[in-house]
């Protein structure tokens, strides 16, 4: 019984940690849609500002191309480069 409870606790912790990890998709979606709060959260969690999609398209480039100027400024302030 105690082993079962311990295993369940470990599983809850492990799956809880994975649920908190942001994905690159979230990063690109926030950049494209101008989601300032979501981008702030992603950056505070350590999102890679130099991440590129297919080695050519970055969240910064996406924000600029879709006119999301505040997102672009936020990314540049965090160290993103074009």
PDB file of N, CA and C in Angstrom:
ATOM      1  N   UNK A   1       0.824  -1.197   0.000  1.00  0.00           N
ATOM      2  CA  UNK A   1       0.000   0.000   0.000  1.00  0.00           C
ATOM      3  C   UNK A   1       0.867   1.259   0.000  1.00  0.00           C
ATOM      4  N   UNK A   2       1.885   1.298   0.851  1.00  0.00           N
ATOM      5  CA  UNK A   2       2.749   2.468   0.916  1.00  0.00           C
ATOM      6  C   UNK A   2       3.507   2.670  -0.391  1.00  0.00           C
ATOM      7  N   UNK A   3       3.940   1.558  -1.026  1.00  0.00           N
ATOM      8  CA  UNK A   3       4.649   1.659  -2.300  1.00  0.00           C
ATOM      9  C   UNK A   3       3.749   2.266  -3.370  1.00  0.00           C
ATOM     10  N   UNK A   4       2.497   1.873  -3.376  1.00  0.00           N
ATOM     11  CA  UNK A   4       1.541   2.394  -4.348  1.00  0.00           C
ATOM     12  C   UNK A   4       1.357   3.895  -4.162  1.00  0.00           C
ATOM     13  N   UNK A   5       1.231   4.333  -2.953  1.00  0.00           N
ATOM     14  CA  UNK A   5       1.066   5.761  -2.669  1.00  0.00           C
ATOM     15  C   UNK A   5       2.304   6.537  -3.086  1.00  0.00           C
ATOM     16  N   UNK A   6       3.463   6.009  -2.787  1.00  0.00           N
ATOM     17  CA  UNK A   6       4.713   6.676  -3.169  1.00  0.00           C
ATOM     18  C   UNK A   6       4.826   6.774  -4.685  1.00  0.00           C
ATOM     19  N   UNK A   7       4.490   5.708  -5.382  1.00  0.00           N
ATOM     20  CA  UNK A   7       4.539   5.720  -6.849  1.00  0.00           C
ATOM     21  C   UNK A   7       3.557   6.746  -7.402  1.00  0.00           C
ATOM     22  N   UNK A   8       2.372   6.798  -6.848  1.00  0.00           N
ATOM     23  CA  UNK A   8       1.386   7.787  -7.303  1.00  0.00           C
ATOM     24  C   UNK A   8       1.872   9.213  -7.068  1.00  0.00           C
ATOM     25  N   UNK A   9       2.472   9.466  -5.934  1.00  0.00           N
ATOM     26  CA  UNK A   9       3.004  10.801  -5.635  1.00  0.00           C
ATOM     27  C   UNK A   9       4.099  11.162  -6.631  1.00  0.00           C
ATOM     28  N   UNK A  10       4.983  10.230  -6.921  1.00  0.00           N
ATOM     29  CA  UNK A  10       6.061  10.484  -7.879  1.00  0.00           C
ATOM     30  C   UNK A  10       5.483  10.782  -9.259  1.00  0.00           C
ATOM     31  N   UNK A  11       4.486  10.013  -9.680  1.00  0.00           N
ATOM     32  CA  UNK A  11       3.863  10.242 -10.991  1.00  0.00           C
ATOM     33  C   UNK A  11       3.208  11.621 -11.059  1.00  0.00           C
ATOM     34  N   UNK A  12       2.524  12.009 -10.009  1.00  0.00           N
ATOM     35  CA  UNK A  12       1.888  13.331  -9.979  1.00  0.00           C
ATOM     36  C   UNK A  12       2.936  14.433 -10.095  1.00  0.00           C
ATOM     37  N   UNK A  13       4.031  14.285  -9.381  1.00  0.00           N
ATOM     38  CA  UNK A  13       5.099  15.289  -9.440  1.00  0.00           C
ATOM     39  C   UNK A  13       5.707  15.349 -10.829  1.00  0.00           C
ATOM     40  N   UNK A  14       6.027  14.200 -11.404  1.00  0.00           N
ATOM     41  CA  UNK A  14       6.657  14.157 -12.724  1.00  0.00           C
ATOM     42  C   UNK A  14       5.738  14.750 -13.775  1.00  0.00           C
ATOM     43  N   UNK A  15       4.480  14.324 -13.817  1.00  0.00           N
ATOM     44  CA  UNK A  15       3.563  14.851 -14.818  1.00  0.00           C
ATOM     45  C   UNK A  15       3.256  16.322 -14.577  1.00  0.00           C
ATOM     46  N   UNK A  16       3.256  16.751 -13.347  1.00  0.00           N
ATOM     47  CA  UNK A  16       3.070  18.165 -13.038  1.00  0.00           C
ATOM     48  C   UNK A  16       4.216  19.006 -13.558  1.00  0.00           C
ATOM     49  N   UNK A  17       5.426  18.499 -13.463  1.00  0.00           N
ATOM     50  CA  UNK A  17       6.582  19.224 -13.990  1.00  0.00           C
ATOM     51  C   UNK A  17       6.514  19.338 -15.494  1.00  0.00           C
ATOM     52  N   UNK A  18       6.116  18.262 -16.176  1.00  0.00           N
ATOM     53  CA  UNK A  18       6.011  18.318 -17.632  1.00  0.00           C
ATOM     54  C   UNK A  18       4.914  19.266 -18.073  1.00  0.00           C
ATOM     55  N   UNK A  19       3.871  19.394 -17.300  1.00  0.00           N
ATOM     56  CA  UNK A  19       2.768  20.288 -17.657  1.00  0.00           C
ATOM     57  C   UNK A  19       3.191  21.745 -17.584  1.00  0.00           C
ATOM     58  N   UNK A  20       4.221  22.060 -16.806  1.00  0.00           N
ATOM     59  CA  UNK A  20       4.675  23.431 -16.639  1.00  0.00           C
ATOM     60  C   UNK A  20       5.703  23.855 -17.688  1.00  0.00           C
ATOM     61  N   UNK A  21       6.197  22.917 -18.451  1.00  0.00           N
ATOM     62  CA  UNK A  21       7.229  23.230 -19.441  1.00  0.00           C
ATOM     63  C   UNK A  21       6.575  23.790 -20.690  1.00  0.00           C
ATOM     64  N   UNK A  22       7.018  24.948 -21.121  1.00  0.00           N
ATOM     65  CA  UNK A  22       6.453  25.532 -22.332  1.00  0.00           C
ATOM     66  C   UNK A  22       7.080  24.887 -23.561  1.00  0.00           C
ATOM     67  N   UNK A  23       6.336  24.912 -24.644  1.00  0.00           N
ATOM     68  CA  UNK A  23       6.823  24.338 -25.892  1.00  0.00           C
ATOM     69  C   UNK A  23       7.166  25.455 -26.864  1.00  0.00           C
ATOM     70  N   UNK A  24       7.997  25.162 -27.849  1.00  0.00           N
ATOM     71  CA  UNK A  24       8.289  26.177 -28.866  1.00  0.00           C
ATOM     72  C   UNK A  24       7.033  26.669 -29.563  1.00  0.00           C
ATOM     73  N   UNK A  25       6.043  25.784 -29.734  1.00  0.00           N
ATOM     74  CA  UNK A  25       4.803  26.206 -30.387  1.00  0.00           C
ATOM     75  C   UNK A  25       4.146  27.353 -29.630  1.00  0.00           C
ATOM     76  N   UNK A  26       4.114  27.255 -28.300  1.00  0.00           N
ATOM     77  CA  UNK A  26       3.515  28.316 -27.482  1.00  0.00           C
ATOM     78  C   UNK A  26       4.244  29.641 -27.712  1.00  0.00           C
ATOM     79  N   UNK A  27       5.529  29.546 -27.849  1.00  0.00           N
ATOM     80  CA  UNK A  27       6.381  30.718 -28.046  1.00  0.00           C
ATOM     81  C   UNK A  27       6.054  31.408 -29.377  1.00  0.00           C
ATOM     82  N   UNK A  28       5.949  30.614 -30.439  1.00  0.00           N
ATOM     83  CA  UNK A  28       5.634  31.170 -31.750  1.00  0.00           C
ATOM     84  C   UNK A  28       4.203  31.694 -31.812  1.00  0.00           C
ATOM     85  N   UNK A  29       3.273  30.992 -31.169  1.00  0.00           N
ATOM     86  CA  UNK A  29       1.875  31.438 -31.152  1.00  0.00           C
ATOM     87  C   UNK A  29       1.748  32.764 -30.405  1.00  0.00           C
ATOM     88  N   UNK A  30       2.432  32.893 -29.285  1.00  0.00           N
ATOM     89  CA  UNK A  30       2.396  34.150 -28.526  1.00  0.00           C
ATOM     90  C   UNK A  30       2.976  35.292 -29.355  1.00  0.00           C
ATOM     91  N   UNK A  31       4.056  35.020 -30.085  1.00  0.00           N
ATOM     92  CA  UNK A  31       4.679  36.054 -30.925  1.00  0.00           C
ATOM     93  C   UNK A  31       3.749  36.464 -32.059  1.00  0.00           C
ATOM     94  N   UNK A  32       3.147  35.489 -32.707  1.00  0.00           N
ATOM     95  CA  UNK A  32       2.288  35.778 -33.863  1.00  0.00           C
ATOM     96  C   UNK A  32       1.012  36.493 -33.477  1.00  0.00           C
ATOM     97  N   UNK A  33       0.453  36.152 -32.320  1.00  0.00           N
ATOM     98  CA  UNK A  33      -0.838  36.707 -31.914  1.00  0.00           C
ATOM     99  C   UNK A  33      -0.730  37.901 -30.971  1.00  0.00           C
ATOM    100  N   UNK A  34       0.492  38.319 -30.660  1.00  0.00           N
ATOM    101  CA  UNK A  34       0.682  39.496 -29.818  1.00  0.00           C
ATOM    102  C   UNK A  34       0.238  39.309 -28.386  1.00  0.00           C
ATOM    103  N   UNK A  35       0.406  38.128 -27.847  1.00  0.00           N
ATOM    104  CA  UNK A  35      -0.013  37.834 -26.477  1.00  0.00           C
ATOM    105  C   UNK A  35       1.088  38.261 -25.503  1.00  0.00           C
ATOM    106  N   UNK A  36       0.995  39.500 -25.059  1.00  0.00           N
ATOM    107  CA  UNK A  36       2.037  40.082 -24.212  1.00  0.00           C
ATOM    108  C   UNK A  36       2.226  39.341 -22.900  1.00  0.00           C
ATOM    109  N   UNK A  37       1.146  39.075 -22.202  1.00  0.00           N
ATOM    110  CA  UNK A  37       1.255  38.406 -20.900  1.00  0.00           C
ATOM    111  C   UNK A  37       1.851  37.016 -21.060  1.00  0.00           C
ATOM    112  N   UNK A  38       1.375  36.282 -22.066  1.00  0.00           N
ATOM    113  CA  UNK A  38       1.902  34.938 -22.289  1.00  0.00           C
ATOM    114  C   UNK A  38       3.388  34.993 -22.642  1.00  0.00           C
ATOM    115  N   UNK A  39       3.778  35.979 -23.456  1.00  0.00           N
ATOM    116  CA  UNK A  39       5.188  36.103 -23.817  1.00  0.00           C
ATOM    117  C   UNK A  39       6.029  36.439 -22.596  1.00  0.00           C
ATOM    118  N   UNK A  40       5.529  37.311 -21.729  1.00  0.00           N
ATOM    119  CA  UNK A  40       6.257  37.642 -20.501  1.00  0.00           C
ATOM    120  C   UNK A  40       6.470  36.399 -19.649  1.00  0.00           C
ATOM    121  N   UNK A  41       5.452  35.568 -19.553  1.00  0.00           N
ATOM    122  CA  UNK A  41       5.558  34.340 -18.763  1.00  0.00           C
ATOM    123  C   UNK A  41       6.586  33.402 -19.386  1.00  0.00           C
ATOM    124  N   UNK A  42       6.514  33.226 -20.703  1.00  0.00           N
ATOM    125  CA  UNK A  42       7.449  32.340 -21.394  1.00  0.00           C
ATOM    126  C   UNK A  42       8.886  32.816 -21.218  1.00  0.00           C
ATOM    127  N   UNK A  43       9.097  34.127 -21.340  1.00  0.00           N
ATOM    128  CA  UNK A  43      10.448  34.667 -21.171  1.00  0.00           C
ATOM    129  C   UNK A  43      10.922  34.510 -19.733  1.00  0.00           C
ATOM    130  N   UNK A  44      10.018  34.707 -18.776  1.00  0.00           N
ATOM    131  CA  UNK A  44      10.413  34.556 -17.371  1.00  0.00           C
ATOM    132  C   UNK A  44      10.733  33.097 -17.040  1.00  0.00           C
ATOM    133  N   UNK A  45      10.161  32.170 -17.806  1.00  0.00           N
ATOM    134  CA  UNK A  45      10.446  30.746 -17.615  1.00  0.00           C
ATOM    135  C   UNK A  45      11.712  30.312 -18.350  1.00  0.00           C
ATOM    136  N   UNK A  46      12.335  31.273 -19.054  1.00  0.00           N
ATOM    137  CA  UNK A  46      13.590  30.949 -19.728  1.00  0.00           C
ATOM    138  C   UNK A  46      13.463  30.548 -21.183  1.00  0.00           C
ATOM    139  N   UNK A  47      12.401  30.974 -21.859  1.00  0.00           N
ATOM    140  CA  UNK A  47      12.250  30.651 -23.281  1.00  0.00           C
ATOM    141  C   UNK A  47      13.471  31.159 -24.052  1.00  0.00           C
ATOM    142  N   UNK A  48      13.915  30.391 -25.003  1.00  0.00           N
ATOM    143  CA  UNK A  48      15.096  30.714 -25.800  1.00  0.00           C
ATOM    144  C   UNK A  48      14.748  31.799 -26.824  1.00  0.00           C
ATOM    145  N   UNK A  49      15.252  33.017 -26.625  1.00  0.00           N
ATOM    146  CA  UNK A  49      14.932  34.120 -27.528  1.00  0.00           C
ATOM    147  C   UNK A  49      15.613  33.981 -28.885  1.00  0.00           C
ATOM    148  N   UNK A  50      16.517  33.049 -29.008  1.00  0.00           N
ATOM    149  CA  UNK A  50      17.201  32.825 -30.288  1.00  0.00           C
ATOM    150  C   UNK A  50      16.674  31.584 -31.015  1.00  0.00           C
ATOM    151  N   UNK A  51      15.568  31.055 -30.548  1.00  0.00           N
ATOM    152  CA  UNK A  51      14.959  29.887 -31.152  1.00  0.00           C
ATOM    153  C   UNK A  51      14.529  30.203 -32.580  1.00  0.00           C
ATOM    154  N   UNK A  52      14.765  29.277 -33.487  1.00  0.00           N
ATOM    155  CA  UNK A  52      14.352  29.460 -34.875  1.00  0.00           C
ATOM    156  C   UNK A  52      13.567  28.255 -35.345  1.00  0.00           C
ATOM    157  N   UNK A  53      12.604  28.517 -36.208  1.00  0.00           N
ATOM    158  CA  UNK A  53      11.813  27.465 -36.816  1.00  0.00           C
ATOM    159  C   UNK A  53      12.397  27.188 -38.186  1.00  0.00           C
ATOM    160  N   UNK A  54      12.740  25.970 -38.438  1.00  0.00           N
ATOM    161  CA  UNK A  54      13.359  25.579 -39.709  1.00  0.00           C
ATOM    162  C   UNK A  54      14.625  26.373 -39.989  1.00  0.00           C
ATOM    163  N   UNK A  55      15.323  26.766 -38.926  1.00  0.00           N
ATOM    164  CA  UNK A  55      16.606  27.461 -38.991  1.00  0.00           C
ATOM    165  C   UNK A  55      16.551  28.815 -39.691  1.00  0.00           C
ATOM    166  N   UNK A  56      15.363  29.351 -39.907  1.00  0.00           N
ATOM    167  CA  UNK A  56      15.283  30.654 -40.583  1.00  0.00           C
ATOM    168  C   UNK A  56      14.268  31.606 -39.978  1.00  0.00           C
ATOM    169  N   UNK A  57      13.286  31.096 -39.287  1.00  0.00           N
ATOM    170  CA  UNK A  57      12.188  31.939 -38.837  1.00  0.00           C
ATOM    171  C   UNK A  57      12.141  31.957 -37.325  1.00  0.00           C
ATOM    172  N   UNK A  58      12.320  33.121 -36.736  1.00  0.00           N
ATOM    173  CA  UNK A  58      12.340  33.254 -35.278  1.00  0.00           C
ATOM    174  C   UNK A  58      11.044  33.897 -34.784  1.00  0.00           C
ATOM    175  N   UNK A  59      10.760  33.788 -33.482  1.00  0.00           N
ATOM    176  CA  UNK A  59       9.606  34.495 -32.931  1.00  0.00           C
ATOM    177  C   UNK A  59       9.708  36.006 -33.181  1.00  0.00           C
ATOM    178  N   UNK A  60      10.927  36.550 -33.148  1.00  0.00           N
ATOM    179  CA  UNK A  60      11.101  37.973 -33.424  1.00  0.00           C
ATOM    180  C   UNK A  60      10.691  38.294 -34.860  1.00  0.00           C
ATOM    181  N   UNK A  61      11.155  37.501 -35.806  1.00  0.00           N
ATOM    182  CA  UNK A  61      10.785  37.725 -37.211  1.00  0.00           C
ATOM    183  C   UNK A  61       9.277  37.586 -37.393  1.00  0.00           C
ATOM    184  N   UNK A  62       8.685  36.631 -36.714  1.00  0.00           N
ATOM    185  CA  UNK A  62       7.240  36.424 -36.801  1.00  0.00           C
ATOM    186  C   UNK A  62       6.486  37.617 -36.219  1.00  0.00           C
ATOM    187  N   UNK A  63       6.932  38.106 -35.081  1.00  0.00           N
ATOM    188  CA  UNK A  63       6.282  39.269 -34.463  1.00  0.00           C
ATOM    189  C   UNK A  63       6.382  40.489 -35.371  1.00  0.00           C
ATOM    190  N   UNK A  64       7.535  40.702 -35.964  1.00  0.00           N
ATOM    191  CA  UNK A  64       7.724  41.847 -36.866  1.00  0.00           C
ATOM    192  C   UNK A  64       6.850  41.705 -38.102  1.00  0.00           C
ATOM    193  N   UNK A  65       6.854  40.518 -38.704  1.00  0.00           N
ATOM    194  CA  UNK A  65       6.100  40.323 -39.948  1.00  0.00           C
ATOM    195  C   UNK A  65       4.593  40.401 -39.754  1.00  0.00           C
ATOM    196  N   UNK A  66       4.120  40.172 -38.532  1.00  0.00           N
ATOM    197  CA  UNK A  66       2.681  40.272 -38.266  1.00  0.00           C
ATOM    198  C   UNK A  66       2.302  41.580 -37.577  1.00  0.00           C
ATOM    199  N   UNK A  67       3.263  42.488 -37.449  1.00  0.00           N
ATOM    200  CA  UNK A  67       2.979  43.805 -36.892  1.00  0.00           C
ATOM    201  C   UNK A  67       2.812  43.844 -35.384  1.00  0.00           C
ATOM    202  N   UNK A  68       3.325  42.868 -34.689  1.00  0.00           N
ATOM    203  CA  UNK A  68       3.224  42.833 -33.223  1.00  0.00           C
ATOM    204  C   UNK A  68       4.443  43.537 -32.630  1.00  0.00           C
ATOM    205  N   UNK A  69       4.411  44.865 -32.691  1.00  0.00           N
ATOM    206  CA  UNK A  69       5.557  45.692 -32.320  1.00  0.00           C
ATOM    207  C   UNK A  69       5.942  45.537 -30.852  1.00  0.00           C
ATOM    208  N   UNK A  70       4.955  45.477 -29.951  1.00  0.00           N
ATOM    209  CA  UNK A  70       5.265  45.342 -28.518  1.00  0.00           C
ATOM    210  C   UNK A  70       5.954  44.009 -28.232  1.00  0.00           C
ATOM    211  N   UNK A  71       5.510  42.957 -28.894  1.00  0.00           N
ATOM    212  CA  UNK A  71       6.162  41.653 -28.736  1.00  0.00           C
ATOM    213  C   UNK A  71       7.587  41.736 -29.255  1.00  0.00           C
ATOM    214  N   UNK A  72       7.766  42.367 -30.417  1.00  0.00           N
ATOM    215  CA  UNK A  72       9.108  42.507 -31.000  1.00  0.00           C
ATOM    216  C   UNK A  72      10.023  43.275 -30.051  1.00  0.00           C
ATOM    217  N   UNK A  73       9.517  44.346 -29.463  1.00  0.00           N
ATOM    218  CA  UNK A  73      10.321  45.119 -28.497  1.00  0.00           C
ATOM    219  C   UNK A  73      10.687  44.275 -27.285  1.00  0.00           C
ATOM    220  N   UNK A  74       9.721  43.503 -26.800  1.00  0.00           N
ATOM    221  CA  UNK A  74       9.952  42.649 -25.641  1.00  0.00           C
ATOM    222  C   UNK A  74      11.035  41.610 -25.953  1.00  0.00           C
ATOM    223  N   UNK A  75      10.948  41.007 -27.131  1.00  0.00           N
ATOM    224  CA  UNK A  75      11.926  40.001 -27.523  1.00  0.00           C
ATOM    225  C   UNK A  75      13.316  40.609 -27.696  1.00  0.00           C
ATOM    226  N   UNK A  76      13.378  41.789 -28.306  1.00  0.00           N
ATOM    227  CA  UNK A  76      14.675  42.455 -28.478  1.00  0.00           C
ATOM    228  C   UNK A  76      15.286  42.818 -27.130  1.00  0.00           C
ATOM    229  N   UNK A  77      14.443  43.282 -26.212  1.00  0.00           N
ATOM    230  CA  UNK A  77      14.931  43.630 -24.870  1.00  0.00           C
ATOM    231  C   UNK A  77      15.472  42.395 -24.142  1.00  0.00           C
ATOM    232  N   UNK A  78      14.917  41.217 -24.507  1.00  0.00           N
ATOM    233  CA  UNK A  78      15.372  39.970 -23.891  1.00  0.00           C
ATOM    234  C   UNK A  78      16.585  39.369 -24.600  1.00  0.00           C
ATOM    235  N   UNK A  79      17.044  40.046 -25.689  1.00  0.00           N
ATOM    236  CA  UNK A  79      18.248  39.584 -26.353  1.00  0.00           C
ATOM    237  C   UNK A  79      18.049  38.926 -27.699  1.00  0.00           C
ATOM    238  N   UNK A  80      16.827  38.906 -28.214  1.00  0.00           N
ATOM    239  CA  UNK A  80      16.584  38.298 -29.527  1.00  0.00           C
ATOM    240  C   UNK A  80      17.222  39.142 -30.620  1.00  0.00           C
ATOM    241  N   UNK A  81      17.702  38.480 -31.638  1.00  0.00           N
ATOM    242  CA  UNK A  81      18.283  39.166 -32.786  1.00  0.00           C
ATOM    243  C   UNK A  81      17.580  38.720 -34.052  1.00  0.00           C
ATOM    244  N   UNK A  82      17.590  39.613 -35.041  1.00  0.00           N
ATOM    245  CA  UNK A  82      16.927  39.297 -36.312  1.00  0.00           C
ATOM    246  C   UNK A  82      17.782  38.395 -37.156  1.00  0.00           C
TER     247      UNK A  82
END
